PDB file of N, CA and C in Angstrom:
ATOM      1  N   MET A   1      -6.464 -13.915 -22.977  1.00  0.00           N
ATOM      2  CA  MET A   1      -5.252 -14.151 -22.235  1.00  0.00           C
ATOM      3  C   MET A   1      -4.795 -12.849 -21.587  1.00  0.00           C
ATOM      4  N   ALA A   2      -4.348 -12.917 -20.346  1.00  0.00           N
ATOM      5  CA  ALA A   2      -3.936 -11.722 -19.613  1.00  0.00           C
ATOM      6  C   ALA A   2      -2.589 -11.218 -20.110  1.00  0.00           C
ATOM      7  N   GLU A   3      -2.434  -9.902 -20.064  1.00  0.00           N
ATOM      8  CA  GLU A   3      -1.182  -9.288 -20.504  1.00  0.00           C
ATOM      9  C   GLU A   3      -0.433  -8.735 -19.299  1.00  0.00           C
ATOM     10  N   GLY A   4       0.369  -9.535 -18.644  1.00  0.00           N
ATOM     11  CA  GLY A   4       1.204  -9.055 -17.542  1.00  0.00           C
ATOM     12  C   GLY A   4       0.432  -8.906 -16.240  1.00  0.00           C
ATOM     13  N   THR A   5       0.971  -8.066 -15.392  1.00  0.00           N
ATOM     14  CA  THR A   5       0.450  -7.879 -14.051  1.00  0.00           C
ATOM     15  C   THR A   5      -0.501  -6.690 -14.014  1.00  0.00           C
ATOM     16  N   GLY A   6      -1.650  -6.888 -13.420  1.00  0.00           N
ATOM     17  CA  GLY A   6      -2.618  -5.816 -13.303  1.00  0.00           C
ATOM     18  C   GLY A   6      -2.351  -4.941 -12.096  1.00  0.00           C
ATOM     19  N   PRO A   7      -3.049  -3.815 -12.013  1.00  0.00           N
ATOM     20  CA  PRO A   7      -2.820  -2.883 -10.914  1.00  0.00           C
ATOM     21  C   PRO A   7      -3.176  -3.461  -9.545  1.00  0.00           C
ATOM     22  N   VAL A   8      -4.177  -4.317  -9.481  1.00  0.00           N
ATOM     23  CA  VAL A   8      -4.551  -4.914  -8.194  1.00  0.00           C
ATOM     24  C   VAL A   8      -3.439  -5.830  -7.689  1.00  0.00           C
ATOM     25  N   ALA A   9      -2.840  -6.588  -8.590  1.00  0.00           N
ATOM     26  CA  ALA A   9      -1.744  -7.480  -8.210  1.00  0.00           C
ATOM     27  C   ALA A   9      -0.545  -6.680  -7.712  1.00  0.00           C
ATOM     28  N   VAL A  10      -0.260  -5.558  -8.352  1.00  0.00           N
ATOM     29  CA  VAL A  10       0.878  -4.738  -7.924  1.00  0.00           C
ATOM     30  C   VAL A  10       0.607  -4.129  -6.558  1.00  0.00           C
ATOM     31  N   ILE A  11      -0.612  -3.675  -6.332  1.00  0.00           N
ATOM     32  CA  ILE A  11      -0.963  -3.117  -5.019  1.00  0.00           C
ATOM     33  C   ILE A  11      -0.820  -4.184  -3.943  1.00  0.00           C
ATOM     34  N   ILE A  12      -1.265  -5.391  -4.207  1.00  0.00           N
ATOM     35  CA  ILE A  12      -1.141  -6.476  -3.236  1.00  0.00           C
ATOM     36  C   ILE A  12       0.323  -6.817  -2.998  1.00  0.00           C
ATOM     37  N   LEU A  13       1.132  -6.882  -4.053  1.00  0.00           N
ATOM     38  CA  LEU A  13       2.556  -7.167  -3.894  1.00  0.00           C
ATOM     39  C   LEU A  13       3.263  -6.096  -3.072  1.00  0.00           C
ATOM     40  N   VAL A  14       2.942  -4.840  -3.318  1.00  0.00           N
ATOM     41  CA  VAL A  14       3.548  -3.755  -2.543  1.00  0.00           C
ATOM     42  C   VAL A  14       3.111  -3.840  -1.085  1.00  0.00           C
ATOM     43  N   MET A  15       1.844  -4.147  -0.841  1.00  0.00           N
ATOM     44  CA  MET A  15       1.369  -4.282   0.542  1.00  0.00           C
ATOM     45  C   MET A  15       2.062  -5.433   1.256  1.00  0.00           C
ATOM     46  N   VAL A  16       2.229  -6.566   0.590  1.00  0.00           N
ATOM     47  CA  VAL A  16       2.922  -7.705   1.196  1.00  0.00           C
ATOM     48  C   VAL A  16       4.363  -7.333   1.507  1.00  0.00           C
ATOM     49  N   PHE A  17       5.021  -6.633   0.596  1.00  0.00           N
ATOM     50  CA  PHE A  17       6.396  -6.212   0.828  1.00  0.00           C
ATOM     51  C   PHE A  17       6.482  -5.267   2.019  1.00  0.00           C
ATOM     52  N   VAL A  18       5.593  -4.291   2.106  1.00  0.00           N
ATOM     53  CA  VAL A  18       5.625  -3.329   3.205  1.00  0.00           C
ATOM     54  C   VAL A  18       5.348  -4.025   4.536  1.00  0.00           C
ATOM     55  N   ILE A  19       4.425  -4.962   4.565  1.00  0.00           N
ATOM     56  CA  ILE A  19       4.135  -5.696   5.801  1.00  0.00           C
ATOM     57  C   ILE A  19       5.338  -6.533   6.213  1.00  0.00           C
ATOM     58  N   ALA A  20       5.948  -7.247   5.269  1.00  0.00           N
ATOM     59  CA  ALA A  20       7.142  -8.043   5.583  1.00  0.00           C
ATOM     60  C   ALA A  20       8.279  -7.137   6.030  1.00  0.00           C
ATOM     61  N   TRP A  21       8.395  -5.980   5.426  1.00  0.00           N
ATOM     62  CA  TRP A  21       9.435  -5.037   5.809  1.00  0.00           C
ATOM     63  C   TRP A  21       9.209  -4.537   7.230  1.00  0.00           C
ATOM     64  N   ALA A  22       7.963  -4.236   7.578  1.00  0.00           N
ATOM     65  CA  ALA A  22       7.661  -3.732   8.916  1.00  0.00           C
ATOM     66  C   ALA A  22       7.860  -4.805   9.983  1.00  0.00           C
ATOM     67  N   ILE A  23       7.574  -6.045   9.657  1.00  0.00           N
ATOM     68  CA  ILE A  23       7.661  -7.110  10.653  1.00  0.00           C
ATOM     69  C   ILE A  23       9.088  -7.595  10.851  1.00  0.00           C
ATOM     70  N   PHE A  24       9.821  -7.833   9.761  1.00  0.00           N
ATOM     71  CA  PHE A  24      11.103  -8.503   9.892  1.00  0.00           C
ATOM     72  C   PHE A  24      12.263  -7.771   9.220  1.00  0.00           C
ATOM     73  N   LEU A  25      12.112  -7.427   7.979  1.00  0.00           N
ATOM     74  CA  LEU A  25      13.246  -6.973   7.181  1.00  0.00           C
ATOM     75  C   LEU A  25      13.803  -5.616   7.605  1.00  0.00           C
ATOM     76  N   GLY A  26      12.972  -4.715   8.053  1.00  0.00           N
ATOM     77  CA  GLY A  26      13.437  -3.386   8.433  1.00  0.00           C
ATOM     78  C   GLY A  26      14.401  -3.417   9.601  1.00  0.00           C
ATOM     79  N   LYS A  27      14.068  -4.166  10.639  1.00  0.00           N
ATOM     80  CA  LYS A  27      14.960  -4.270  11.797  1.00  0.00           C
ATOM     81  C   LYS A  27      16.251  -4.964  11.411  1.00  0.00           C
ATOM     82  N   PHE A  28      16.156  -5.995  10.591  1.00  0.00           N
ATOM     83  CA  PHE A  28      17.349  -6.720  10.154  1.00  0.00           C
ATOM     84  C   PHE A  28      18.300  -5.805   9.387  1.00  0.00           C
ATOM     85  N   VAL A  29      17.788  -5.040   8.427  1.00  0.00           N
ATOM     86  CA  VAL A  29      18.625  -4.138   7.644  1.00  0.00           C
ATOM     87  C   VAL A  29      19.199  -3.035   8.532  1.00  0.00           C
ATOM     88  N   GLY A  30      18.412  -2.520   9.453  1.00  0.00           N
ATOM     89  CA  GLY A  30      18.905  -1.498  10.372  1.00  0.00           C
ATOM     90  C   GLY A  30      20.025  -2.008  11.259  1.00  0.00           C
ATOM     91  N   ASP A  31      19.854  -3.213  11.805  1.00  0.00           N
ATOM     92  CA  ASP A  31      20.886  -3.790  12.666  1.00  0.00           C
ATOM     93  C   ASP A  31      22.164  -4.080  11.885  1.00  0.00           C
ATOM     94  N   VAL A  32      22.031  -4.647  10.700  1.00  0.00           N
ATOM     95  CA  VAL A  32      23.206  -4.952   9.881  1.00  0.00           C
ATOM     96  C   VAL A  32      23.908  -3.658   9.459  1.00  0.00           C
ATOM     97  N   GLY A  33      23.148  -2.634   9.111  1.00  0.00           N
ATOM     98  CA  GLY A  33      23.746  -1.349   8.742  1.00  0.00           C
ATOM     99  C   GLY A  33      24.495  -0.713   9.892  1.00  0.00           C
ATOM    100  N   GLN A  34      23.895  -0.743  11.073  1.00  0.00           N
ATOM    101  CA  GLN A  34      24.556  -0.186  12.248  1.00  0.00           C
ATOM    102  C   GLN A  34      25.837  -0.952  12.564  1.00  0.00           C
ATOM    103  N   TYR A  35      25.779  -2.265  12.511  1.00  0.00           N
ATOM    104  CA  TYR A  35      26.962  -3.092  12.756  1.00  0.00           C
ATOM    105  C   TYR A  35      28.054  -2.801  11.730  1.00  0.00           C
ATOM    106  N   PHE A  36      27.663  -2.654  10.469  1.00  0.00           N
ATOM    107  CA  PHE A  36      28.626  -2.392   9.401  1.00  0.00           C
ATOM    108  C   PHE A  36      29.314  -1.048   9.587  1.00  0.00           C
ATOM    109  N   VAL A  37      28.554  -0.018   9.987  1.00  0.00           N
ATOM    110  CA  VAL A  37      29.142   1.308  10.203  1.00  0.00           C
ATOM    111  C   VAL A  37      30.107   1.261  11.390  1.00  0.00           C
ATOM    112  N   GLU A  38      29.721   0.569  12.453  1.00  0.00           N
ATOM    113  CA  GLU A  38      30.566   0.523  13.646  1.00  0.00           C
ATOM    114  C   GLU A  38      31.855  -0.270  13.419  1.00  0.00           C
ATOM    115  N   THR A  39      31.778  -1.383  12.727  1.00  0.00           N
ATOM    116  CA  THR A  39      32.951  -2.248  12.586  1.00  0.00           C
ATOM    117  C   THR A  39      33.837  -1.867  11.411  1.00  0.00           C
ATOM    118  N   SER A  40      33.297  -1.212  10.391  1.00  0.00           N
ATOM    119  CA  SER A  40      34.093  -0.886   9.211  1.00  0.00           C
ATOM    120  C   SER A  40      34.676   0.515   9.263  1.00  0.00           C
ATOM    121  N   GLY A  41      34.258   1.314  10.218  1.00  0.00           N
ATOM    122  CA  GLY A  41      34.786   2.670  10.327  1.00  0.00           C
ATOM    123  C   GLY A  41      34.364   3.570   9.180  1.00  0.00           C
ATOM    124  N   LEU A  42      33.147   3.424   8.696  1.00  0.00           N
ATOM    125  CA  LEU A  42      32.662   4.263   7.603  1.00  0.00           C
ATOM    126  C   LEU A  42      32.430   5.682   8.094  1.00  0.00           C
ATOM    127  N   THR A  43      32.686   6.639   7.228  1.00  0.00           N
ATOM    128  CA  THR A  43      32.423   8.041   7.542  1.00  0.00           C
ATOM    129  C   THR A  43      31.797   8.703   6.324  1.00  0.00           C
ATOM    130  N   GLY A  44      31.253   9.856   6.519  1.00  0.00           N
ATOM    131  CA  GLY A  44      30.724  10.659   5.421  1.00  0.00           C
ATOM    132  C   GLY A  44      29.494  10.068   4.773  1.00  0.00           C
ATOM    133  N   ILE A  45      29.445  10.167   3.460  1.00  0.00           N
ATOM    134  CA  ILE A  45      28.267   9.762   2.696  1.00  0.00           C
ATOM    135  C   ILE A  45      28.038   8.261   2.777  1.00  0.00           C
ATOM    136  N   GLU A  46      29.115   7.475   2.894  1.00  0.00           N
ATOM    137  CA  GLU A  46      28.959   6.023   3.008  1.00  0.00           C
ATOM    138  C   GLU A  46      28.204   5.664   4.275  1.00  0.00           C
ATOM    139  N   ALA A  47      28.589   6.266   5.390  1.00  0.00           N
ATOM    140  CA  ALA A  47      27.909   5.995   6.655  1.00  0.00           C
ATOM    141  C   ALA A  47      26.466   6.489   6.611  1.00  0.00           C
ATOM    142  N   PHE A  48      26.232   7.619   5.959  1.00  0.00           N
ATOM    143  CA  PHE A  48      24.877   8.150   5.839  1.00  0.00           C
ATOM    144  C   PHE A  48      23.977   7.194   5.074  1.00  0.00           C
ATOM    145  N   VAL A  49      24.467   6.697   3.939  1.00  0.00           N
ATOM    146  CA  VAL A  49      23.668   5.795   3.110  1.00  0.00           C
ATOM    147  C   VAL A  49      23.392   4.483   3.848  1.00  0.00           C
ATOM    148  N   VAL A  50      24.424   3.900   4.458  1.00  0.00           N
ATOM    149  CA  VAL A  50      24.243   2.621   5.140  1.00  0.00           C
ATOM    150  C   VAL A  50      23.361   2.784   6.373  1.00  0.00           C
ATOM    151  N   SER A  51      23.483   3.901   7.079  1.00  0.00           N
ATOM    152  CA  SER A  51      22.662   4.131   8.269  1.00  0.00           C
ATOM    153  C   SER A  51      21.191   4.342   7.914  1.00  0.00           C
ATOM    154  N   ASN A  52      20.932   4.908   6.755  1.00  0.00           N
ATOM    155  CA  ASN A  52      19.558   5.208   6.333  1.00  0.00           C
ATOM    156  C   ASN A  52      19.103   4.307   5.198  1.00  0.00           C
ATOM    157  N   LEU A  53      19.572   3.072   5.186  1.00  0.00           N
ATOM    158  CA  LEU A  53      19.256   2.163   4.091  1.00  0.00           C
ATOM    159  C   LEU A  53      17.760   1.861   4.009  1.00  0.00           C
ATOM    160  N   ASN A  54      17.074   1.786   5.150  1.00  0.00           N
ATOM    161  CA  ASN A  54      15.620   1.550   5.122  1.00  0.00           C
ATOM    162  C   ASN A  54      14.895   2.683   4.402  1.00  0.00           C
ATOM    163  N   LEU A  55      15.327   3.914   4.627  1.00  0.00           N
ATOM    164  CA  LEU A  55      14.719   5.060   3.943  1.00  0.00           C
ATOM    165  C   LEU A  55      14.937   4.972   2.441  1.00  0.00           C
ATOM    166  N   PHE A  56      16.150   4.633   2.026  1.00  0.00           N
ATOM    167  CA  PHE A  56      16.437   4.539   0.598  1.00  0.00           C
ATOM    168  C   PHE A  56      15.665   3.396  -0.061  1.00  0.00           C
ATOM    169  N   ILE A  57      15.505   2.295   0.631  1.00  0.00           N
ATOM    170  CA  ILE A  57      14.726   1.180   0.087  1.00  0.00           C
ATOM    171  C   ILE A  57      13.273   1.605  -0.100  1.00  0.00           C
ATOM    172  N   PHE A  58      12.717   2.333   0.865  1.00  0.00           N
ATOM    173  CA  PHE A  58      11.340   2.807   0.744  1.00  0.00           C
ATOM    174  C   PHE A  58      11.191   3.796  -0.410  1.00  0.00           C
ATOM    175  N   ILE A  59      12.168   4.691  -0.564  1.00  0.00           N
ATOM    176  CA  ILE A  59      12.114   5.660  -1.662  1.00  0.00           C
ATOM    177  C   ILE A  59      12.171   4.935  -3.008  1.00  0.00           C
ATOM    178  N   PHE A  60      13.059   3.929  -3.119  1.00  0.00           N
ATOM    179  CA  PHE A  60      13.149   3.178  -4.373  1.00  0.00           C
ATOM    180  C   PHE A  60      11.890   2.355  -4.623  1.00  0.00           C
ATOM    181  N   LEU A  61      11.230   1.889  -3.560  1.00  0.00           N
ATOM    182  CA  LEU A  61       9.949   1.196  -3.729  1.00  0.00           C
ATOM    183  C   LEU A  61       8.915   2.143  -4.326  1.00  0.00           C
ATOM    184  N   LEU A  62       8.835   3.358  -3.800  1.00  0.00           N
ATOM    185  CA  LEU A  62       7.893   4.339  -4.342  1.00  0.00           C
ATOM    186  C   LEU A  62       8.237   4.710  -5.782  1.00  0.00           C
ATOM    187  N   LEU A  63       9.519   4.940  -6.055  1.00  0.00           N
ATOM    188  CA  LEU A  63       9.923   5.290  -7.419  1.00  0.00           C
ATOM    189  C   LEU A  63       9.655   4.150  -8.392  1.00  0.00           C
ATOM    190  N   GLY A  64       9.911   2.926  -7.958  1.00  0.00           N
ATOM    191  CA  GLY A  64       9.638   1.777  -8.813  1.00  0.00           C
ATOM    192  C   GLY A  64       8.163   1.613  -9.102  1.00  0.00           C
ATOM    193  N   THR A  65       7.336   1.826  -8.095  1.00  0.00           N
ATOM    194  CA  THR A  65       5.891   1.728  -8.290  1.00  0.00           C
ATOM    195  C   THR A  65       5.389   2.831  -9.221  1.00  0.00           C
ATOM    196  N   MET A  66       5.911   4.042  -9.040  1.00  0.00           N
ATOM    197  CA  MET A  66       5.511   5.138  -9.920  1.00  0.00           C
ATOM    198  C   MET A  66       5.987   4.897 -11.349  1.00  0.00           C
ATOM    199  N   ALA A  67       7.196   4.352 -11.522  1.00  0.00           N
ATOM    200  CA  ALA A  67       7.692   4.040 -12.864  1.00  0.00           C
ATOM    201  C   ALA A  67       6.842   2.955 -13.509  1.00  0.00           C
ATOM    202  N   TRP A  68       6.442   1.960 -12.719  1.00  0.00           N
ATOM    203  CA  TRP A  68       5.585   0.906 -13.257  1.00  0.00           C
ATOM    204  C   TRP A  68       4.258   1.502 -13.729  1.00  0.00           C
ATOM    205  N   MET A  69       3.667   2.403 -12.923  1.00  0.00           N
ATOM    206  CA  MET A  69       2.394   3.004 -13.314  1.00  0.00           C
ATOM    207  C   MET A  69       2.566   3.863 -14.570  1.00  0.00           C
ATOM    208  N   TYR A  70       3.677   4.579 -14.676  1.00  0.00           N
ATOM    209  CA  TYR A  70       3.907   5.438 -15.840  1.00  0.00           C
ATOM    210  C   TYR A  70       4.107   4.625 -17.103  1.00  0.00           C
ATOM    211  N   PHE A  71       4.982   3.630 -17.045  1.00  0.00           N
ATOM    212  CA  PHE A  71       5.277   2.857 -18.239  1.00  0.00           C
ATOM    213  C   PHE A  71       4.168   1.881 -18.597  1.00  0.00           C
ATOM    214  N   ARG A  72       3.404   1.459 -17.601  1.00  0.00           N
ATOM    215  CA  ARG A  72       2.268   0.564 -17.861  1.00  0.00           C
ATOM    216  C   ARG A  72       1.181   1.330 -18.598  1.00  0.00           C
ATOM    217  N   GLY A  73       1.069   2.620 -18.276  1.00  0.00           N
ATOM    218  CA  GLY A  73       0.145   3.500 -18.995  1.00  0.00           C
ATOM    219  C   GLY A  73      -1.257   3.287 -18.574  1.00  0.00           C
TER     220      GLY A  73
END
C-alpha cells in the first residue's frame, strides 16, 4: 500500500499549478490587486504586498515545496 504522495506526483502537481497560474490565475490576481489598491487607497506595505501578490504566491509555492521535501525526508 502506498504511503502518501510521491515525489513524481508533487512535481506534476507543481507543474500543473504553475501552468494554470501562467495561463489564467496570474493575470486575474494582478488585475484584482491593482483594482484593490486603486479603489481602497492602500499605501505603504499594504499596497506593496497586494501589488506583488503574484511574487509572494510564487515564493510560498517554493517554500512549501521545499518544506514538503524536507519533512518528507
